[in-house]
Amino acid sequence: MEKVIVKIITKNPPHGRCRMYTSIVWLMMNYYKNVTINIMPEIYKNADDPDAPCVIVNGKLIEPSNTIYVSGEDLVCAMNEAGAISYEEIQPDILKFDEIIEQCLS
């Protein structure tokens, strides 16, 4: 089973989209068994990494489909494309991701 590497680059202290991206970590940990998640403040990012806030899955930046912020569907699709394997008894719920995203942005 290959690992999927998720890197979240955030401003410090996190707020808005940064807070949203760090909040979805718990769902990712709950849904996927082969995922390693790294959260790093922007000041420690690599020179070739994009600016915060962002989510990178296996080196690929997740682009928001609505051009504003990443949605639950964007996240689940990116994880599936990267080969993330969900636990047998738990399937990723796009609506749960969207619920956290909406809470963090309101």
N, C-alpha and C. Protein backbone atom coordinates (compact mmCIF):
# COMPACT_ATOMS: atom_id res chain seq x y z
N MET A 1 0.86 -1.17 0.00
CA MET A 1 0.00 0.00 0.00
C MET A 1 0.91 1.24 0.00
N GLU A 2 0.79 2.04 -1.03
CA GLU A 2 1.58 3.28 -1.12
C GLU A 2 0.96 4.37 -0.27
N LYS A 3 1.84 5.17 0.33
CA LYS A 3 1.36 6.29 1.14
C LYS A 3 0.99 7.46 0.25
N VAL A 4 -0.02 8.18 0.68
CA VAL A 4 -0.41 9.44 0.07
C VAL A 4 0.06 10.54 1.02
N ILE A 5 0.82 11.47 0.49
CA ILE A 5 1.37 12.55 1.31
C ILE A 5 0.55 13.82 1.10
N VAL A 6 -0.02 14.31 2.19
CA VAL A 6 -0.80 15.55 2.16
C VAL A 6 0.02 16.60 2.91
N LYS A 7 0.25 17.72 2.24
CA LYS A 7 0.96 18.84 2.88
C LYS A 7 0.01 20.03 2.90
N ILE A 8 -0.19 20.57 4.08
CA ILE A 8 -1.02 21.75 4.25
C ILE A 8 -0.09 22.88 4.69
N ILE A 9 -0.05 23.94 3.90
CA ILE A 9 0.76 25.10 4.23
C ILE A 9 -0.19 26.18 4.73
N THR A 10 0.11 26.70 5.90
CA THR A 10 -0.82 27.63 6.55
C THR A 10 -0.08 28.87 7.04
N LYS A 11 -0.83 29.95 7.11
CA LYS A 11 -0.31 31.15 7.77
C LYS A 11 -0.43 30.93 9.26
N ASN A 12 0.33 31.68 10.02
CA ASN A 12 0.31 31.50 11.44
C ASN A 12 0.06 32.83 12.13
N PRO A 13 -0.95 32.98 12.95
CA PRO A 13 -1.90 31.96 13.33
C PRO A 13 -2.92 31.72 12.21
N PRO A 14 -3.43 30.49 12.12
CA PRO A 14 -4.39 30.18 11.06
C PRO A 14 -5.75 30.84 11.29
N HIS A 15 -6.33 31.34 10.23
CA HIS A 15 -7.69 31.86 10.25
C HIS A 15 -8.24 31.70 8.83
N GLY A 16 -9.53 31.85 8.64
CA GLY A 16 -10.14 31.74 7.32
C GLY A 16 -9.81 30.41 6.66
N ARG A 17 -9.28 30.47 5.43
CA ARG A 17 -8.96 29.25 4.69
C ARG A 17 -7.87 28.42 5.37
N CYS A 18 -6.92 29.07 6.03
CA CYS A 18 -5.88 28.32 6.76
C CYS A 18 -6.51 27.47 7.87
N ARG A 19 -7.41 28.06 8.60
CA ARG A 19 -8.11 27.33 9.67
C ARG A 19 -8.95 26.21 9.08
N MET A 20 -9.56 26.48 7.93
CA MET A 20 -10.39 25.48 7.27
C MET A 20 -9.55 24.27 6.88
N TYR A 21 -8.39 24.51 6.26
CA TYR A 21 -7.55 23.40 5.81
C TYR A 21 -7.01 22.59 6.98
N THR A 22 -6.64 23.25 8.07
CA THR A 22 -6.15 22.49 9.22
C THR A 22 -7.30 21.75 9.92
N SER A 23 -8.51 22.22 9.79
CA SER A 23 -9.66 21.57 10.41
C SER A 23 -10.06 20.28 9.70
N ILE A 24 -9.82 20.19 8.41
CA ILE A 24 -10.21 18.99 7.67
C ILE A 24 -9.26 17.82 7.91
N VAL A 25 -8.15 18.07 8.58
CA VAL A 25 -7.17 17.00 8.85
C VAL A 25 -7.83 15.86 9.61
N TRP A 26 -8.66 16.17 10.57
CA TRP A 26 -9.29 15.12 11.38
C TRP A 26 -10.18 14.22 10.53
N LEU A 27 -10.87 14.80 9.57
CA LEU A 27 -11.68 13.96 8.67
C LEU A 27 -10.79 13.07 7.81
N MET A 28 -9.71 13.63 7.28
CA MET A 28 -8.80 12.83 6.46
C MET A 28 -8.25 11.65 7.26
N MET A 29 -7.87 11.91 8.51
CA MET A 29 -7.34 10.84 9.36
C MET A 29 -8.40 9.79 9.64
N ASN A 30 -9.64 10.22 9.76
CA ASN A 30 -10.74 9.31 10.04
C ASN A 30 -11.11 8.45 8.83
N TYR A 31 -10.98 9.00 7.63
CA TYR A 31 -11.43 8.32 6.42
C TYR A 31 -10.36 7.48 5.72
N TYR A 32 -9.11 7.90 5.76
CA TYR A 32 -8.07 7.27 4.93
C TYR A 32 -6.99 6.61 5.77
N LYS A 33 -6.63 5.38 5.40
CA LYS A 33 -5.64 4.65 6.19
C LYS A 33 -4.21 4.76 5.66
N ASN A 34 -3.99 5.21 4.45
CA ASN A 34 -2.63 5.29 3.91
C ASN A 34 -2.18 6.73 3.66
N VAL A 35 -2.60 7.62 4.52
CA VAL A 35 -2.31 9.04 4.34
C VAL A 35 -1.39 9.56 5.44
N THR A 36 -0.37 10.28 5.03
CA THR A 36 0.50 11.00 5.95
C THR A 36 0.23 12.48 5.75
N ILE A 37 -0.04 13.19 6.84
CA ILE A 37 -0.41 14.60 6.75
C ILE A 37 0.64 15.45 7.45
N ASN A 38 1.12 16.47 6.75
CA ASN A 38 2.08 17.42 7.30
C ASN A 38 1.45 18.81 7.25
N ILE A 39 1.40 19.46 8.40
CA ILE A 39 0.92 20.84 8.47
C ILE A 39 2.12 21.71 8.79
N MET A 40 2.36 22.72 7.96
CA MET A 40 3.52 23.56 8.22
C MET A 40 3.18 25.04 8.05
N PRO A 41 3.72 25.85 8.94
CA PRO A 41 3.58 27.30 8.78
C PRO A 41 4.32 27.74 7.51
N GLU A 42 3.78 28.76 6.89
CA GLU A 42 4.33 29.25 5.62
C GLU A 42 5.83 29.57 5.70
N ILE A 43 6.30 30.02 6.84
CA ILE A 43 7.71 30.39 6.95
C ILE A 43 8.64 29.19 6.79
N TYR A 44 8.13 27.96 6.92
CA TYR A 44 8.94 26.76 6.79
C TYR A 44 8.73 26.02 5.47
N LYS A 45 7.95 26.59 4.58
CA LYS A 45 7.68 25.90 3.32
C LYS A 45 8.93 25.90 2.44
N ASN A 46 8.96 24.96 1.50
CA ASN A 46 10.05 24.90 0.53
C ASN A 46 9.92 26.06 -0.45
N ALA A 47 11.02 26.45 -1.05
CA ALA A 47 11.02 27.57 -1.99
C ALA A 47 10.08 27.33 -3.17
N ASP A 48 9.91 26.08 -3.57
CA ASP A 48 9.06 25.79 -4.72
C ASP A 48 7.60 25.51 -4.34
N ASP A 49 7.28 25.56 -3.06
CA ASP A 49 5.89 25.38 -2.62
C ASP A 49 5.10 26.66 -2.87
N PRO A 50 3.78 26.50 -3.14
CA PRO A 50 2.94 27.69 -3.31
C PRO A 50 2.74 28.42 -1.97
N ASP A 51 2.27 29.64 -2.06
CA ASP A 51 1.99 30.43 -0.86
C ASP A 51 0.80 29.85 -0.11
N ALA A 52 0.76 30.12 1.17
CA ALA A 52 -0.36 29.69 2.01
C ALA A 52 -1.58 30.55 1.72
N PRO A 53 -2.74 30.04 1.93
CA PRO A 53 -3.06 28.70 2.36
C PRO A 53 -3.19 27.77 1.15
N CYS A 54 -2.78 26.52 1.35
CA CYS A 54 -2.93 25.55 0.26
C CYS A 54 -2.86 24.13 0.80
N VAL A 55 -3.39 23.22 -0.02
CA VAL A 55 -3.33 21.79 0.26
C VAL A 55 -2.67 21.15 -0.94
N ILE A 56 -1.63 20.35 -0.68
CA ILE A 56 -0.88 19.68 -1.73
C ILE A 56 -0.99 18.18 -1.46
N VAL A 57 -1.41 17.42 -2.47
CA VAL A 57 -1.54 15.98 -2.33
C VAL A 57 -0.57 15.32 -3.30
N ASN A 58 0.37 14.57 -2.76
CA ASN A 58 1.42 13.92 -3.56
C ASN A 58 2.09 14.90 -4.52
N GLY A 59 2.38 16.08 -4.02
CA GLY A 59 3.09 17.09 -4.81
C GLY A 59 2.22 17.90 -5.74
N LYS A 60 0.92 17.61 -5.79
CA LYS A 60 0.00 18.33 -6.69
C LYS A 60 -0.91 19.25 -5.87
N LEU A 61 -0.88 20.53 -6.22
CA LEU A 61 -1.73 21.52 -5.55
C LEU A 61 -3.19 21.24 -5.89
N ILE A 62 -4.04 21.22 -4.85
CA ILE A 62 -5.48 21.06 -5.09
C ILE A 62 -6.02 22.43 -5.43
N GLU A 63 -6.54 22.55 -6.62
CA GLU A 63 -7.13 23.81 -7.09
C GLU A 63 -8.62 23.80 -6.79
N PRO A 64 -9.15 24.89 -6.26
CA PRO A 64 -10.60 24.95 -5.99
C PRO A 64 -11.39 25.00 -7.29
N SER A 65 -12.41 24.15 -7.38
CA SER A 65 -13.24 24.12 -8.59
C SER A 65 -14.11 25.36 -8.70
N ASN A 66 -14.37 26.03 -7.57
CA ASN A 66 -15.20 27.24 -7.61
C ASN A 66 -14.35 28.51 -7.60
N THR A 67 -13.04 28.38 -7.74
CA THR A 67 -12.05 29.47 -7.81
C THR A 67 -11.91 30.29 -6.52
N ILE A 68 -12.60 29.90 -5.46
CA ILE A 68 -12.52 30.65 -4.21
C ILE A 68 -11.84 29.80 -3.13
N TYR A 69 -12.38 28.64 -2.85
CA TYR A 69 -11.81 27.75 -1.85
C TYR A 69 -12.07 26.30 -2.25
N VAL A 70 -11.25 25.42 -1.71
CA VAL A 70 -11.38 24.00 -2.01
C VAL A 70 -12.65 23.47 -1.35
N SER A 71 -13.39 22.66 -2.09
CA SER A 71 -14.63 22.08 -1.58
C SER A 71 -14.39 20.64 -1.13
N GLY A 72 -15.38 20.07 -0.48
CA GLY A 72 -15.30 18.67 -0.09
C GLY A 72 -15.11 17.76 -1.30
N GLU A 73 -15.79 18.07 -2.38
CA GLU A 73 -15.66 17.28 -3.60
C GLU A 73 -14.24 17.38 -4.16
N ASP A 74 -13.66 18.58 -4.15
CA ASP A 74 -12.28 18.77 -4.61
C ASP A 74 -11.33 17.90 -3.80
N LEU A 75 -11.51 17.88 -2.48
CA LEU A 75 -10.63 17.12 -1.60
C LEU A 75 -10.77 15.62 -1.81
N VAL A 76 -11.98 15.13 -1.83
CA VAL A 76 -12.21 13.69 -1.99
C VAL A 76 -11.72 13.23 -3.37
N CYS A 77 -11.98 14.00 -4.40
CA CYS A 77 -11.49 13.64 -5.75
C CYS A 77 -9.97 13.60 -5.79
N ALA A 78 -9.31 14.58 -5.18
CA ALA A 78 -7.85 14.62 -5.16
C ALA A 78 -7.29 13.41 -4.40
N MET A 79 -7.92 13.06 -3.30
CA MET A 79 -7.47 11.91 -2.53
C MET A 79 -7.66 10.61 -3.31
N ASN A 80 -8.78 10.48 -3.99
CA ASN A 80 -9.02 9.29 -4.81
C ASN A 80 -8.01 9.19 -5.94
N GLU A 81 -7.75 10.30 -6.62
CA GLU A 81 -6.77 10.32 -7.71
C GLU A 81 -5.37 9.94 -7.23
N ALA A 82 -5.05 10.32 -6.00
CA ALA A 82 -3.73 10.05 -5.45
C ALA A 82 -3.60 8.62 -4.94
N GLY A 83 -4.71 7.89 -4.89
CA GLY A 83 -4.67 6.51 -4.42
C GLY A 83 -4.93 6.33 -2.94
N ALA A 84 -5.58 7.31 -2.32
CA ALA A 84 -5.92 7.17 -0.90
C ALA A 84 -6.92 6.03 -0.74
N ILE A 85 -6.70 5.23 0.28
CA ILE A 85 -7.56 4.07 0.54
C ILE A 85 -8.36 4.34 1.81
N SER A 86 -9.67 4.27 1.67
CA SER A 86 -10.51 4.52 2.84
C SER A 86 -10.65 3.23 3.66
N TYR A 87 -10.92 3.42 4.95
CA TYR A 87 -11.19 2.27 5.80
C TYR A 87 -12.43 1.56 5.30
N GLU A 88 -12.46 0.23 5.44
CA GLU A 88 -13.56 -0.56 4.89
C GLU A 88 -14.93 -0.15 5.41
N GLU A 89 -15.00 0.16 6.69
CA GLU A 89 -16.31 0.47 7.28
C GLU A 89 -16.69 1.95 7.19
N ILE A 90 -15.77 2.78 6.67
CA ILE A 90 -16.04 4.23 6.61
C ILE A 90 -15.73 4.73 5.20
N GLN A 91 -16.68 5.36 4.58
CA GLN A 91 -16.47 5.96 3.27
C GLN A 91 -16.43 7.48 3.41
N PRO A 92 -15.51 8.14 2.70
CA PRO A 92 -15.42 9.61 2.79
C PRO A 92 -16.75 10.27 2.44
N ASP A 93 -17.14 11.21 3.25
CA ASP A 93 -18.41 11.91 3.07
C ASP A 93 -18.13 13.36 2.66
N ILE A 94 -18.40 13.67 1.41
CA ILE A 94 -18.17 15.01 0.87
C ILE A 94 -18.91 16.06 1.70
N LEU A 95 -20.12 15.73 2.13
CA LEU A 95 -20.92 16.68 2.90
C LEU A 95 -20.27 17.03 4.24
N LYS A 96 -19.59 16.08 4.86
CA LYS A 96 -18.89 16.36 6.13
C LYS A 96 -17.75 17.35 5.90
N PHE A 97 -17.00 17.17 4.79
CA PHE A 97 -15.96 18.13 4.46
C PHE A 97 -16.57 19.51 4.23
N ASP A 98 -17.64 19.56 3.45
CA ASP A 98 -18.29 20.84 3.16
C ASP A 98 -18.83 21.50 4.43
N GLU A 99 -19.32 20.71 5.35
CA GLU A 99 -19.84 21.24 6.62
C GLU A 99 -18.72 21.95 7.41
N ILE A 100 -17.56 21.32 7.50
CA ILE A 100 -16.44 21.94 8.20
C ILE A 100 -15.97 23.18 7.46
N ILE A 101 -15.92 23.11 6.14
CA ILE A 101 -15.49 24.25 5.33
C ILE A 101 -16.42 25.43 5.58
N GLU A 102 -17.71 25.21 5.56
CA GLU A 102 -18.68 26.30 5.78
C GLU A 102 -18.57 26.88 7.18
N GLN A 103 -18.38 26.02 8.18
CA GLN A 103 -18.23 26.50 9.56
C GLN A 103 -17.01 27.40 9.70
N CYS A 104 -15.92 27.02 9.06
CA CYS A 104 -14.69 27.78 9.19
C CYS A 104 -14.72 29.09 8.42
N LEU A 105 -15.51 29.16 7.38
CA LEU A 105 -15.55 30.37 6.57
C LEU A 105 -16.64 31.34 6.97
N SER A 106 -17.51 30.93 7.90
CA SER A 106 -18.58 31.85 8.31
C SER A 106 -18.24 32.56 9.58
